[in-house]
């Protein structure tokens, strides 16, 4: 007879992670929960561009703003900036991309 069979109160601990395993929910489970809560139409609206013309672009932008503008991931945007693919200005520890650099990048890499 197993220990848990003799002590029914101990069965409640079977679902807890064993030592060395994380007890945090996985990122996938969290993302699925968020997507279930958020209606599909709202998610589509998040994908729509923030700016409808070049004139509406801010004078300088952050790397996450650049990523959203180009429709790429944040890490890809940092890769482009760090490789010198797009001009940037470093102010302390922050990176800013001038509007003119974004326009040059789009014109050079556009079709």
PDB file of N, CA and C in Angstrom:
ATOM      1  N   UNK A   1       0.840  -1.169   0.000  1.00  0.00           N
ATOM      2  CA  UNK A   1       0.000   0.000   0.000  1.00  0.00           C
ATOM      3  C   UNK A   1       0.895   1.245   0.000  1.00  0.00           C
ATOM      4  N   UNK A   2       0.609   2.184  -0.894  1.00  0.00           N
ATOM      5  CA  UNK A   2       1.414   3.392  -1.029  1.00  0.00           C
ATOM      6  C   UNK A   2       1.108   4.371   0.101  1.00  0.00           C
ATOM      7  N   UNK A   3       2.062   5.237   0.356  1.00  0.00           N
ATOM      8  CA  UNK A   3       1.924   6.237   1.416  1.00  0.00           C
ATOM      9  C   UNK A   3       0.675   7.092   1.211  1.00  0.00           C
ATOM     10  N   UNK A   4       0.431   7.540  -0.050  1.00  0.00           N
ATOM     11  CA  UNK A   4      -0.717   8.409  -0.340  1.00  0.00           C
ATOM     12  C   UNK A   4      -2.043   7.676  -0.155  1.00  0.00           C
ATOM     13  N   UNK A   5      -2.036   6.374  -0.360  1.00  0.00           N
ATOM     14  CA  UNK A   5      -3.269   5.614  -0.166  1.00  0.00           C
ATOM     15  C   UNK A   5      -3.621   5.538   1.320  1.00  0.00           C
ATOM     16  N   UNK A   6      -2.607   5.462   2.175  1.00  0.00           N
ATOM     17  CA  UNK A   6      -2.849   5.377   3.617  1.00  0.00           C
ATOM     18  C   UNK A   6      -3.183   6.739   4.209  1.00  0.00           C
ATOM     19  N   UNK A   7      -2.701   7.828   3.576  1.00  0.00           N
ATOM     20  CA  UNK A   7      -2.912   9.181   4.087  1.00  0.00           C
ATOM     21  C   UNK A   7      -3.611  10.026   3.014  1.00  0.00           C
ATOM     22  N   UNK A   8      -4.924  10.009   2.963  1.00  0.00           N
ATOM     23  CA  UNK A   8      -5.639  10.721   1.902  1.00  0.00           C
ATOM     24  C   UNK A   8      -5.364  12.220   1.890  1.00  0.00           C
ATOM     25  N   UNK A   9      -5.039  12.799   3.036  1.00  0.00           N
ATOM     26  CA  UNK A   9      -4.746  14.239   3.068  1.00  0.00           C
ATOM     27  C   UNK A   9      -3.483  14.580   2.287  1.00  0.00           C
ATOM     28  N   UNK A  10      -2.606  13.643   2.115  1.00  0.00           N
ATOM     29  CA  UNK A  10      -1.351  13.885   1.398  1.00  0.00           C
ATOM     30  C   UNK A  10      -1.554  13.886  -0.116  1.00  0.00           C
ATOM     31  N   UNK A  11      -2.708  13.382  -0.606  1.00  0.00           N
ATOM     32  CA  UNK A  11      -2.965  13.362  -2.053  1.00  0.00           C
ATOM     33  C   UNK A  11      -3.009  14.763  -2.652  1.00  0.00           C
ATOM     34  N   UNK A  12      -3.371  15.741  -1.841  1.00  0.00           N
ATOM     35  CA  UNK A  12      -3.475  17.097  -2.370  1.00  0.00           C
ATOM     36  C   UNK A  12      -2.120  17.651  -2.812  1.00  0.00           C
ATOM     37  N   UNK A  13      -1.033  17.039  -2.384  1.00  0.00           N
ATOM     38  CA  UNK A  13       0.288  17.528  -2.758  1.00  0.00           C
ATOM     39  C   UNK A  13       0.848  16.875  -4.022  1.00  0.00           C
ATOM     40  N   UNK A  14       0.137  15.922  -4.587  1.00  0.00           N
ATOM     41  CA  UNK A  14       0.652  15.221  -5.764  1.00  0.00           C
ATOM     42  C   UNK A  14       0.792  16.126  -6.983  1.00  0.00           C
ATOM     43  N   UNK A  15      -0.059  17.127  -7.120  1.00  0.00           N
ATOM     44  CA  UNK A  15      -0.030  17.990  -8.298  1.00  0.00           C
ATOM     45  C   UNK A  15       1.005  19.107  -8.193  1.00  0.00           C
ATOM     46  N   UNK A  16       1.593  19.276  -7.034  1.00  0.00           N
ATOM     47  CA  UNK A  16       2.600  20.310  -6.903  1.00  0.00           C
ATOM     48  C   UNK A  16       3.881  19.851  -7.582  1.00  0.00           C
ATOM     49  N   UNK A  17       4.678  20.819  -8.087  1.00  0.00           N
ATOM     50  CA  UNK A  17       5.913  20.439  -8.771  1.00  0.00           C
ATOM     51  C   UNK A  17       6.901  19.769  -7.813  1.00  0.00           C
ATOM     52  N   UNK A  18       7.650  18.863  -8.353  1.00  0.00           N
ATOM     53  CA  UNK A  18       8.680  18.199  -7.575  1.00  0.00           C
ATOM     54  C   UNK A  18       9.881  19.137  -7.460  1.00  0.00           C
ATOM     55  N   UNK A  19      10.794  18.848  -6.577  1.00  0.00           N
ATOM     56  CA  UNK A  19      11.932  19.742  -6.393  1.00  0.00           C
ATOM     57  C   UNK A  19      12.698  19.863  -7.711  1.00  0.00           C
ATOM     58  N   UNK A  20      13.129  21.069  -8.000  1.00  0.00           N
ATOM     59  CA  UNK A  20      13.843  21.328  -9.243  1.00  0.00           C
ATOM     60  C   UNK A  20      12.932  21.757 -10.377  1.00  0.00           C
ATOM     61  N   UNK A  21      11.619  21.597 -10.220  1.00  0.00           N
ATOM     62  CA  UNK A  21      10.680  22.032 -11.244  1.00  0.00           C
ATOM     63  C   UNK A  21      10.100  23.370 -10.843  1.00  0.00           C
ATOM     64  N   UNK A  22       9.787  24.187 -11.810  1.00  0.00           N
ATOM     65  CA  UNK A  22       9.219  25.503 -11.535  1.00  0.00           C
ATOM     66  C   UNK A  22       7.746  25.376 -11.185  1.00  0.00           C
ATOM     67  N   UNK A  23       7.309  26.197 -10.248  1.00  0.00           N
ATOM     68  CA  UNK A  23       5.893  26.200  -9.921  1.00  0.00           C
ATOM     69  C   UNK A  23       5.177  27.370 -10.589  1.00  0.00           C
ATOM     70  N   UNK A  24       5.880  28.084 -11.475  1.00  0.00           N
ATOM     71  CA  UNK A  24       5.289  29.197 -12.195  1.00  0.00           C
ATOM     72  C   UNK A  24       4.508  28.662 -13.393  1.00  0.00           C
ATOM     73  N   UNK A  25       3.381  29.307 -13.731  1.00  0.00           N
ATOM     74  CA  UNK A  25       2.656  28.866 -14.919  1.00  0.00           C
ATOM     75  C   UNK A  25       3.481  29.158 -16.174  1.00  0.00           C
ATOM     76  N   UNK A  26       3.332  28.335 -17.164  1.00  0.00           N
ATOM     77  CA  UNK A  26       4.112  28.528 -18.384  1.00  0.00           C
ATOM     78  C   UNK A  26       3.634  29.762 -19.126  1.00  0.00           C
ATOM     79  N   UNK A  27       4.515  30.327 -19.924  1.00  0.00           N
ATOM     80  CA  UNK A  27       4.201  31.510 -20.713  1.00  0.00           C
ATOM     81  C   UNK A  27       3.062  31.213 -21.683  1.00  0.00           C
ATOM     82  N   UNK A  28       3.047  30.009 -22.214  1.00  0.00           N
ATOM     83  CA  UNK A  28       2.000  29.630 -23.161  1.00  0.00           C
ATOM     84  C   UNK A  28       0.635  29.645 -22.483  1.00  0.00           C
ATOM     85  N   UNK A  29       0.561  29.116 -21.263  1.00  0.00           N
ATOM     86  CA  UNK A  29      -0.714  29.110 -20.548  1.00  0.00           C
ATOM     87  C   UNK A  29      -1.190  30.520 -20.248  1.00  0.00           C
ATOM     88  N   UNK A  30      -0.276  31.399 -19.886  1.00  0.00           N
ATOM     89  CA  UNK A  30      -0.637  32.788 -19.609  1.00  0.00           C
ATOM     90  C   UNK A  30      -1.142  33.463 -20.880  1.00  0.00           C
ATOM     91  N   UNK A  31      -0.434  33.260 -21.995  1.00  0.00           N
ATOM     92  CA  UNK A  31      -0.846  33.863 -23.269  1.00  0.00           C
ATOM     93  C   UNK A  31      -2.211  33.349 -23.696  1.00  0.00           C
ATOM     94  N   UNK A  32      -2.456  32.062 -23.519  1.00  0.00           N
ATOM     95  CA  UNK A  32      -3.750  31.507 -23.894  1.00  0.00           C
ATOM     96  C   UNK A  32      -4.864  32.110 -23.042  1.00  0.00           C
ATOM     97  N   UNK A  33      -4.599  32.310 -21.765  1.00  0.00           N
ATOM     98  CA  UNK A  33      -5.606  32.905 -20.882  1.00  0.00           C
ATOM     99  C   UNK A  33      -5.910  34.335 -21.293  1.00  0.00           C
ATOM    100  N   UNK A  34      -4.888  35.079 -21.654  1.00  0.00           N
ATOM    101  CA  UNK A  34      -5.088  36.469 -22.086  1.00  0.00           C
ATOM    102  C   UNK A  34      -5.892  36.498 -23.374  1.00  0.00           C
ATOM    103  N   UNK A  35      -5.553  35.629 -24.320  1.00  0.00           N
ATOM    104  CA  UNK A  35      -6.253  35.623 -25.609  1.00  0.00           C
ATOM    105  C   UNK A  35      -7.721  35.233 -25.445  1.00  0.00           C
ATOM    106  N   UNK A  36      -8.012  34.351 -24.486  1.00  0.00           N
ATOM    107  CA  UNK A  36      -9.400  33.972 -24.255  1.00  0.00           C
ATOM    108  C   UNK A  36     -10.198  35.131 -23.688  1.00  0.00           C
ATOM    109  N   UNK A  37      -9.541  35.961 -22.871  1.00  0.00           N
ATOM    110  CA  UNK A  37     -10.228  37.099 -22.255  1.00  0.00           C
ATOM    111  C   UNK A  37     -10.432  38.244 -23.252  1.00  0.00           C
ATOM    112  N   UNK A  38      -9.548  38.375 -24.209  1.00  0.00           N
ATOM    113  CA  UNK A  38      -9.578  39.505 -25.122  1.00  0.00           C
ATOM    114  C   UNK A  38     -10.299  39.117 -26.409  1.00  0.00           C
ATOM    115  N   UNK A  39     -11.358  39.835 -26.775  1.00  0.00           N
ATOM    116  CA  UNK A  39     -12.078  39.507 -28.005  1.00  0.00           C
ATOM    117  C   UNK A  39     -11.181  39.611 -29.241  1.00  0.00           C
ATOM    118  N   UNK A  40     -11.488  38.793 -30.246  1.00  0.00           N
ATOM    119  CA  UNK A  40     -10.685  38.719 -31.463  1.00  0.00           C
ATOM    120  C   UNK A  40     -10.585  40.071 -32.172  1.00  0.00           C
ATOM    121  N   UNK A  41     -11.664  40.834 -32.210  1.00  0.00           N
ATOM    122  CA  UNK A  41     -11.650  42.124 -32.902  1.00  0.00           C
ATOM    123  C   UNK A  41     -10.669  43.091 -32.243  1.00  0.00           C
ATOM    124  N   UNK A  42     -10.612  43.070 -30.912  1.00  0.00           N
ATOM    125  CA  UNK A  42      -9.661  43.946 -30.222  1.00  0.00           C
ATOM    126  C   UNK A  42      -8.229  43.572 -30.570  1.00  0.00           C
ATOM    127  N   UNK A  43      -7.942  42.286 -30.684  1.00  0.00           N
ATOM    128  CA  UNK A  43      -6.591  41.860 -31.061  1.00  0.00           C
ATOM    129  C   UNK A  43      -6.256  42.339 -32.463  1.00  0.00           C
ATOM    130  N   UNK A  44      -7.238  42.307 -33.370  1.00  0.00           N
ATOM    131  CA  UNK A  44      -6.988  42.805 -34.728  1.00  0.00           C
ATOM    132  C   UNK A  44      -6.685  44.291 -34.715  1.00  0.00           C
ATOM    133  N   UNK A  45      -7.383  45.055 -33.877  1.00  0.00           N
ATOM    134  CA  UNK A  45      -7.148  46.487 -33.800  1.00  0.00           C
ATOM    135  C   UNK A  45      -5.748  46.805 -33.314  1.00  0.00           C
ATOM    136  N   UNK A  46      -5.168  45.930 -32.483  1.00  0.00           N
ATOM    137  CA  UNK A  46      -3.799  46.138 -32.024  1.00  0.00           C
ATOM    138  C   UNK A  46      -2.810  46.047 -33.173  1.00  0.00           C
ATOM    139  N   UNK A  47      -3.149  45.307 -34.203  1.00  0.00           N
ATOM    140  CA  UNK A  47      -2.254  45.115 -35.333  1.00  0.00           C
ATOM    141  C   UNK A  47      -2.292  46.289 -36.307  1.00  0.00           C
ATOM    142  N   UNK A  48      -3.319  47.128 -36.214  1.00  0.00           N
ATOM    143  CA  UNK A  48      -3.430  48.252 -37.136  1.00  0.00           C
ATOM    144  C   UNK A  48      -2.335  49.271 -36.854  1.00  0.00           C
ATOM    145  N   UNK A  49      -1.801  49.893 -37.908  1.00  0.00           N
ATOM    146  CA  UNK A  49      -0.728  50.860 -37.700  1.00  0.00           C
ATOM    147  C   UNK A  49      -1.223  52.072 -36.912  1.00  0.00           C
ATOM    148  N   UNK A  50      -0.304  52.618 -36.114  1.00  0.00           N
ATOM    149  CA  UNK A  50      -0.622  53.775 -35.299  1.00  0.00           C
ATOM    150  C   UNK A  50      -0.624  55.054 -36.130  1.00  0.00           C
ATOM    151  N   UNK A  51       0.154  55.069 -37.191  1.00  0.00           N
ATOM    152  CA  UNK A  51       0.327  56.269 -38.009  1.00  0.00           C
ATOM    153  C   UNK A  51      -0.180  56.003 -39.418  1.00  0.00           C
ATOM    154  N   UNK A  52      -0.876  56.992 -39.979  1.00  0.00           N
ATOM    155  CA  UNK A  52      -1.395  56.821 -41.335  1.00  0.00           C
ATOM    156  C   UNK A  52      -0.539  57.537 -42.375  1.00  0.00           C
ATOM    157  N   UNK A  53       0.393  58.406 -41.937  1.00  0.00           N
ATOM    158  CA  UNK A  53       1.293  59.076 -42.877  1.00  0.00           C
ATOM    159  C   UNK A  53       2.633  59.332 -42.196  1.00  0.00           C
ATOM    160  N   UNK A  54       3.624  59.634 -42.995  1.00  0.00           N
ATOM    161  CA  UNK A  54       4.970  59.908 -42.492  1.00  0.00           C
ATOM    162  C   UNK A  54       4.960  61.157 -41.619  1.00  0.00           C
ATOM    163  N   UNK A  55       4.101  62.095 -41.944  1.00  0.00           N
ATOM    164  CA  UNK A  55       4.033  63.344 -41.168  1.00  0.00           C
ATOM    165  C   UNK A  55       3.616  63.096 -39.716  1.00  0.00           C
ATOM    166  N   UNK A  56       2.906  62.029 -39.458  1.00  0.00           N
ATOM    167  CA  UNK A  56       2.432  61.729 -38.111  1.00  0.00           C
ATOM    168  C   UNK A  56       3.495  61.056 -37.241  1.00  0.00           C
ATOM    169  N   UNK A  57       4.594  60.618 -37.842  1.00  0.00           N
ATOM    170  CA  UNK A  57       5.651  59.965 -37.064  1.00  0.00           C
ATOM    171  C   UNK A  57       6.254  60.944 -36.064  1.00  0.00           C
ATOM    172  N   UNK A  58       6.623  60.465 -34.873  1.00  0.00           N
ATOM    173  CA  UNK A  58       7.287  61.350 -33.906  1.00  0.00           C
ATOM    174  C   UNK A  58       8.686  61.711 -34.391  1.00  0.00           C
ATOM    175  N   UNK A  59       9.226  62.809 -33.874  1.00  0.00           N
ATOM    176  CA  UNK A  59      10.546  63.287 -34.274  1.00  0.00           C
ATOM    177  C   UNK A  59      11.612  62.233 -33.984  1.00  0.00           C
ATOM    178  N   UNK A  60      11.543  61.591 -32.833  1.00  0.00           N
ATOM    179  CA  UNK A  60      12.396  60.450 -32.491  1.00  0.00           C
ATOM    180  C   UNK A  60      11.513  59.372 -31.895  1.00  0.00           C
ATOM    181  N   UNK A  61      11.957  58.122 -32.017  1.00  0.00           N
ATOM    182  CA  UNK A  61      11.177  57.023 -31.455  1.00  0.00           C
ATOM    183  C   UNK A  61      12.090  56.011 -30.784  1.00  0.00           C
ATOM    184  N   UNK A  62      11.493  55.223 -29.907  1.00  0.00           N
ATOM    185  CA  UNK A  62      12.222  54.172 -29.206  1.00  0.00           C
ATOM    186  C   UNK A  62      12.279  52.928 -30.098  1.00  0.00           C
ATOM    187  N   UNK A  63      13.083  51.959 -29.694  1.00  0.00           N
ATOM    188  CA  UNK A  63      13.201  50.721 -30.467  1.00  0.00           C
ATOM    189  C   UNK A  63      11.875  49.940 -30.472  1.00  0.00           C
ATOM    190  N   UNK A  64      11.160  49.821 -29.341  1.00  0.00           N
ATOM    191  CA  UNK A  64       9.855  49.155 -29.406  1.00  0.00           C
ATOM    192  C   UNK A  64       8.854  49.856 -30.334  1.00  0.00           C
ATOM    193  N   UNK A  65       8.899  51.190 -30.370  1.00  0.00           N
ATOM    194  CA  UNK A  65       8.037  51.919 -31.304  1.00  0.00           C
ATOM    195  C   UNK A  65       8.428  51.621 -32.746  1.00  0.00           C
ATOM    196  N   UNK A  66       9.734  51.532 -33.016  1.00  0.00           N
ATOM    197  CA  UNK A  66      10.216  51.182 -34.348  1.00  0.00           C
ATOM    198  C   UNK A  66       9.736  49.792 -34.738  1.00  0.00           C
ATOM    199  N   UNK A  67       9.822  48.860 -33.795  1.00  0.00           N
ATOM    200  CA  UNK A  67       9.394  47.480 -34.062  1.00  0.00           C
ATOM    201  C   UNK A  67       7.917  47.454 -34.439  1.00  0.00           C
ATOM    202  N   UNK A  68       7.101  48.175 -33.709  1.00  0.00           N
ATOM    203  CA  UNK A  68       5.666  48.212 -33.994  1.00  0.00           C
ATOM    204  C   UNK A  68       5.406  48.861 -35.349  1.00  0.00           C
ATOM    205  N   UNK A  69       6.134  49.928 -35.649  1.00  0.00           N
ATOM    206  CA  UNK A  69       5.974  50.625 -36.925  1.00  0.00           C
ATOM    207  C   UNK A  69       6.328  49.722 -38.107  1.00  0.00           C
ATOM    208  N   UNK A  70       7.420  48.966 -37.976  1.00  0.00           N
ATOM    209  CA  UNK A  70       7.871  48.095 -39.065  1.00  0.00           C
ATOM    210  C   UNK A  70       7.148  46.748 -39.080  1.00  0.00           C
ATOM    211  N   UNK A  71       6.406  46.458 -38.015  1.00  0.00           N
ATOM    212  CA  UNK A  71       5.688  45.186 -37.951  1.00  0.00           C
ATOM    213  C   UNK A  71       6.609  44.011 -37.706  1.00  0.00           C
ATOM    214  N   UNK A  72       7.670  44.255 -36.928  1.00  0.00           N
ATOM    215  CA  UNK A  72       8.627  43.199 -36.604  1.00  0.00           C
ATOM    216  C   UNK A  72       8.704  43.074 -35.090  1.00  0.00           C
ATOM    217  N   UNK A  73       9.400  42.063 -34.616  1.00  0.00           N
ATOM    218  CA  UNK A  73       9.568  41.862 -33.182  1.00  0.00           C
ATOM    219  C   UNK A  73      10.575  42.833 -32.595  1.00  0.00           C
ATOM    220  N   UNK A  74      10.495  42.986 -31.288  1.00  0.00           N
ATOM    221  CA  UNK A  74      11.387  43.901 -30.588  1.00  0.00           C
ATOM    222  C   UNK A  74      12.847  43.473 -30.736  1.00  0.00           C
ATOM    223  N   UNK A  75      13.124  42.180 -30.618  1.00  0.00           N
ATOM    224  CA  UNK A  75      14.507  41.712 -30.749  1.00  0.00           C
ATOM    225  C   UNK A  75      15.049  41.962 -32.151  1.00  0.00           C
ATOM    226  N   UNK A  76      14.222  41.766 -33.166  1.00  0.00           N
ATOM    227  CA  UNK A  76      14.652  42.037 -34.543  1.00  0.00           C
ATOM    228  C   UNK A  76      14.960  43.520 -34.720  1.00  0.00           C
ATOM    229  N   UNK A  77      14.155  44.372 -34.105  1.00  0.00           N
ATOM    230  CA  UNK A  77      14.401  45.816 -34.193  1.00  0.00           C
ATOM    231  C   UNK A  77      15.721  46.178 -33.517  1.00  0.00           C
ATOM    232  N   UNK A  78      15.982  45.590 -32.348  1.00  0.00           N
ATOM    233  CA  UNK A  78      17.264  45.840 -31.682  1.00  0.00           C
ATOM    234  C   UNK A  78      18.427  45.332 -32.527  1.00  0.00           C
ATOM    235  N   UNK A  79      18.251  44.198 -33.195  1.00  0.00           N
ATOM    236  CA  UNK A  79      19.309  43.668 -34.074  1.00  0.00           C
ATOM    237  C   UNK A  79      19.616  44.642 -35.205  1.00  0.00           C
ATOM    238  N   UNK A  80      18.574  45.205 -35.815  1.00  0.00           N
ATOM    239  CA  UNK A  80      18.773  46.162 -36.912  1.00  0.00           C
ATOM    240  C   UNK A  80      19.511  47.395 -36.416  1.00  0.00           C
ATOM    241  N   UNK A  81      19.098  47.905 -35.270  1.00  0.00           N
ATOM    242  CA  UNK A  81      19.725  49.111 -34.707  1.00  0.00           C
ATOM    243  C   UNK A  81      21.167  48.835 -34.304  1.00  0.00           C
ATOM    244  N   UNK A  82      21.398  47.727 -33.590  1.00  0.00           N
ATOM    245  CA  UNK A  82      22.756  47.419 -33.115  1.00  0.00           C
ATOM    246  C   UNK A  82      23.723  47.079 -34.239  1.00  0.00           C
ATOM    247  N   UNK A  83      23.213  46.559 -35.361  1.00  0.00           N
ATOM    248  CA  UNK A  83      24.084  46.233 -36.487  1.00  0.00           C
ATOM    249  C   UNK A  83      24.394  47.454 -37.348  1.00  0.00           C
ATOM    250  N   UNK A  84      23.752  48.571 -37.062  1.00  0.00           N
ATOM    251  CA  UNK A  84      23.982  49.785 -37.848  1.00  0.00           C
ATOM    252  C   UNK A  84      23.107  49.857 -39.086  1.00  0.00           C
ATOM    253  N   UNK A  85      22.141  48.970 -39.184  1.00  0.00           N
ATOM    254  CA  UNK A  85      21.230  48.982 -40.329  1.00  0.00           C
ATOM    255  C   UNK A  85      20.350  50.214 -40.381  1.00  0.00           C
ATOM    256  N   UNK A  86      20.162  50.820 -39.239  1.00  0.00           N
ATOM    257  CA  UNK A  86      19.399  52.061 -39.159  1.00  0.00           C
ATOM    258  C   UNK A  86      20.117  52.979 -38.179  1.00  0.00           C
ATOM    259  N   UNK A  87      20.227  54.240 -38.542  1.00  0.00           N
ATOM    260  CA  UNK A  87      20.920  55.205 -37.684  1.00  0.00           C
ATOM    261  C   UNK A  87      20.164  55.352 -36.364  1.00  0.00           C
ATOM    262  N   UNK A  88      20.905  55.500 -35.296  1.00  0.00           N
ATOM    263  CA  UNK A  88      20.279  55.704 -34.000  1.00  0.00           C
ATOM    264  C   UNK A  88      21.143  56.623 -33.157  1.00  0.00           C
ATOM    265  N   UNK A  89      20.537  57.155 -32.126  1.00  0.00           N
ATOM    266  CA  UNK A  89      21.226  58.038 -31.189  1.00  0.00           C
ATOM    267  C   UNK A  89      21.127  57.389 -29.821  1.00  0.00           C
ATOM    268  N   UNK A  90      22.254  57.304 -29.130  1.00  0.00           N
ATOM    269  CA  UNK A  90      22.237  56.746 -27.784  1.00  0.00           C
ATOM    270  C   UNK A  90      22.352  57.906 -26.803  1.00  0.00           C
ATOM    271  N   UNK A  91      21.356  58.011 -25.935  1.00  0.00           N
ATOM    272  CA  UNK A  91      21.338  59.054 -24.907  1.00  0.00           C
ATOM    273  C   UNK A  91      21.368  58.333 -23.570  1.00  0.00           C
ATOM    274  N   UNK A  92      22.522  58.327 -22.937  1.00  0.00           N
ATOM    275  CA  UNK A  92      22.676  57.534 -21.720  1.00  0.00           C
ATOM    276  C   UNK A  92      22.557  56.063 -22.080  1.00  0.00           C
ATOM    277  N   UNK A  93      21.560  55.397 -21.492  1.00  0.00           N
ATOM    278  CA  UNK A  93      21.337  53.987 -21.810  1.00  0.00           C
ATOM    279  C   UNK A  93      20.161  53.792 -22.754  1.00  0.00           C
ATOM    280  N   UNK A  94      19.536  54.871 -23.172  1.00  0.00           N
ATOM    281  CA  UNK A  94      18.387  54.741 -24.066  1.00  0.00           C
ATOM    282  C   UNK A  94      18.805  54.937 -25.516  1.00  0.00           C
ATOM    283  N   UNK A  95      18.114  54.251 -26.393  1.00  0.00           N
ATOM    284  CA  UNK A  95      18.374  54.358 -27.825  1.00  0.00           C
ATOM    285  C   UNK A  95      17.170  55.048 -28.461  1.00  0.00           C
ATOM    286  N   UNK A  96      17.441  56.042 -29.268  1.00  0.00           N
ATOM    287  CA  UNK A  96      16.381  56.743 -29.985  1.00  0.00           C
ATOM    288  C   UNK A  96      16.712  56.744 -31.470  1.00  0.00           C
ATOM    289  N   UNK A  97      15.682  56.605 -32.279  1.00  0.00           N
ATOM    290  CA  UNK A  97      15.846  56.574 -33.724  1.00  0.00           C
ATOM    291  C   UNK A  97      15.168  57.812 -34.296  1.00  0.00           C
ATOM    292  N   UNK A  98      15.924  58.647 -35.019  1.00  0.00           N
ATOM    293  CA  UNK A  98      15.317  59.839 -35.616  1.00  0.00           C
ATOM    294  C   UNK A  98      14.343  59.469 -36.738  1.00  0.00           C
ATOM    295  N   UNK A  99      13.359  60.323 -36.921  1.00  0.00           N
ATOM    296  CA  UNK A  99      12.358  60.135 -37.976  1.00  0.00           C
ATOM    297  C   UNK A  99      13.045  60.026 -39.335  1.00  0.00           C
ATOM    298  N   UNK A 100      14.057  60.858 -39.576  1.00  0.00           N
ATOM    299  CA  UNK A 100      14.757  60.836 -40.870  1.00  0.00           C
ATOM    300  C   UNK A 100      15.442  59.493 -41.112  1.00  0.00           C
ATOM    301  N   UNK A 101      15.957  58.871 -40.045  1.00  0.00           N
ATOM    302  CA  UNK A 101      16.610  57.570 -40.194  1.00  0.00           C
ATOM    303  C   UNK A 101      15.595  56.489 -40.557  1.00  0.00           C
ATOM    304  N   UNK A 102      14.405  56.587 -39.996  1.00  0.00           N
ATOM    305  CA  UNK A 102      13.349  55.617 -40.311  1.00  0.00           C
ATOM    306  C   UNK A 102      12.948  55.760 -41.778  1.00  0.00           C
ATOM    307  N   UNK A 103      12.789  56.990 -42.222  1.00  0.00           N
ATOM    308  CA  UNK A 103      12.403  57.236 -43.621  1.00  0.00           C
ATOM    309  C   UNK A 103      13.480  56.715 -44.565  1.00  0.00           C
ATOM    310  N   UNK A 104      14.771  56.988 -44.259  1.00  0.00           N
ATOM    311  CA  UNK A 104      15.878  56.488 -45.086  1.00  0.00           C
ATOM    312  C   UNK A 104      15.876  54.964 -45.139  1.00  0.00           C
ATOM    313  N   UNK A 105      15.678  54.342 -43.999  1.00  0.00           N
ATOM    314  CA  UNK A 105      15.677  52.881 -43.931  1.00  0.00           C
ATOM    315  C   UNK A 105      14.568  52.303 -44.796  1.00  0.00           C
ATOM    316  N   UNK A 106      13.385  52.872 -44.684  1.00  0.00           N
ATOM    317  CA  UNK A 106      12.245  52.377 -45.465  1.00  0.00           C
ATOM    318  C   UNK A 106      12.458  52.594 -46.955  1.00  0.00           C
ATOM    319  N   UNK A 107      12.983  53.775 -47.335  1.00  0.00           N
ATOM    320  CA  UNK A 107      13.248  54.053 -48.749  1.00  0.00           C
ATOM    321  C   UNK A 107      14.321  53.115 -49.312  1.00  0.00           C
ATOM    322  N   UNK A 108      15.357  52.850 -48.520  1.00  0.00           N
ATOM    323  CA  UNK A 108      16.454  51.988 -48.983  1.00  0.00           C
ATOM    324  C   UNK A 108      16.035  50.524 -49.076  1.00  0.00           C
ATOM    325  N   UNK A 109      15.209  50.051 -48.131  1.00  0.00           N
ATOM    326  CA  UNK A 109      14.820  48.651 -48.092  1.00  0.00           C
ATOM    327  C   UNK A 109      13.436  48.399 -48.662  1.00  0.00           C
ATOM    328  N   UNK A 110      12.763  49.458 -49.080  1.00  0.00           N
ATOM    329  CA  UNK A 110      11.432  49.286 -49.661  1.00  0.00           C
ATOM    330  C   UNK A 110      11.508  48.761 -51.090  1.00  0.00           C
ATOM    331  N   UNK A 111      10.379  48.369 -51.595  1.00  0.00           N
ATOM    332  CA  UNK A 111      10.373  47.825 -52.965  1.00  0.00           C
ATOM    333  C   UNK A 111      10.114  48.876 -53.996  1.00  0.00           C
TER     334      UNK A 111
END
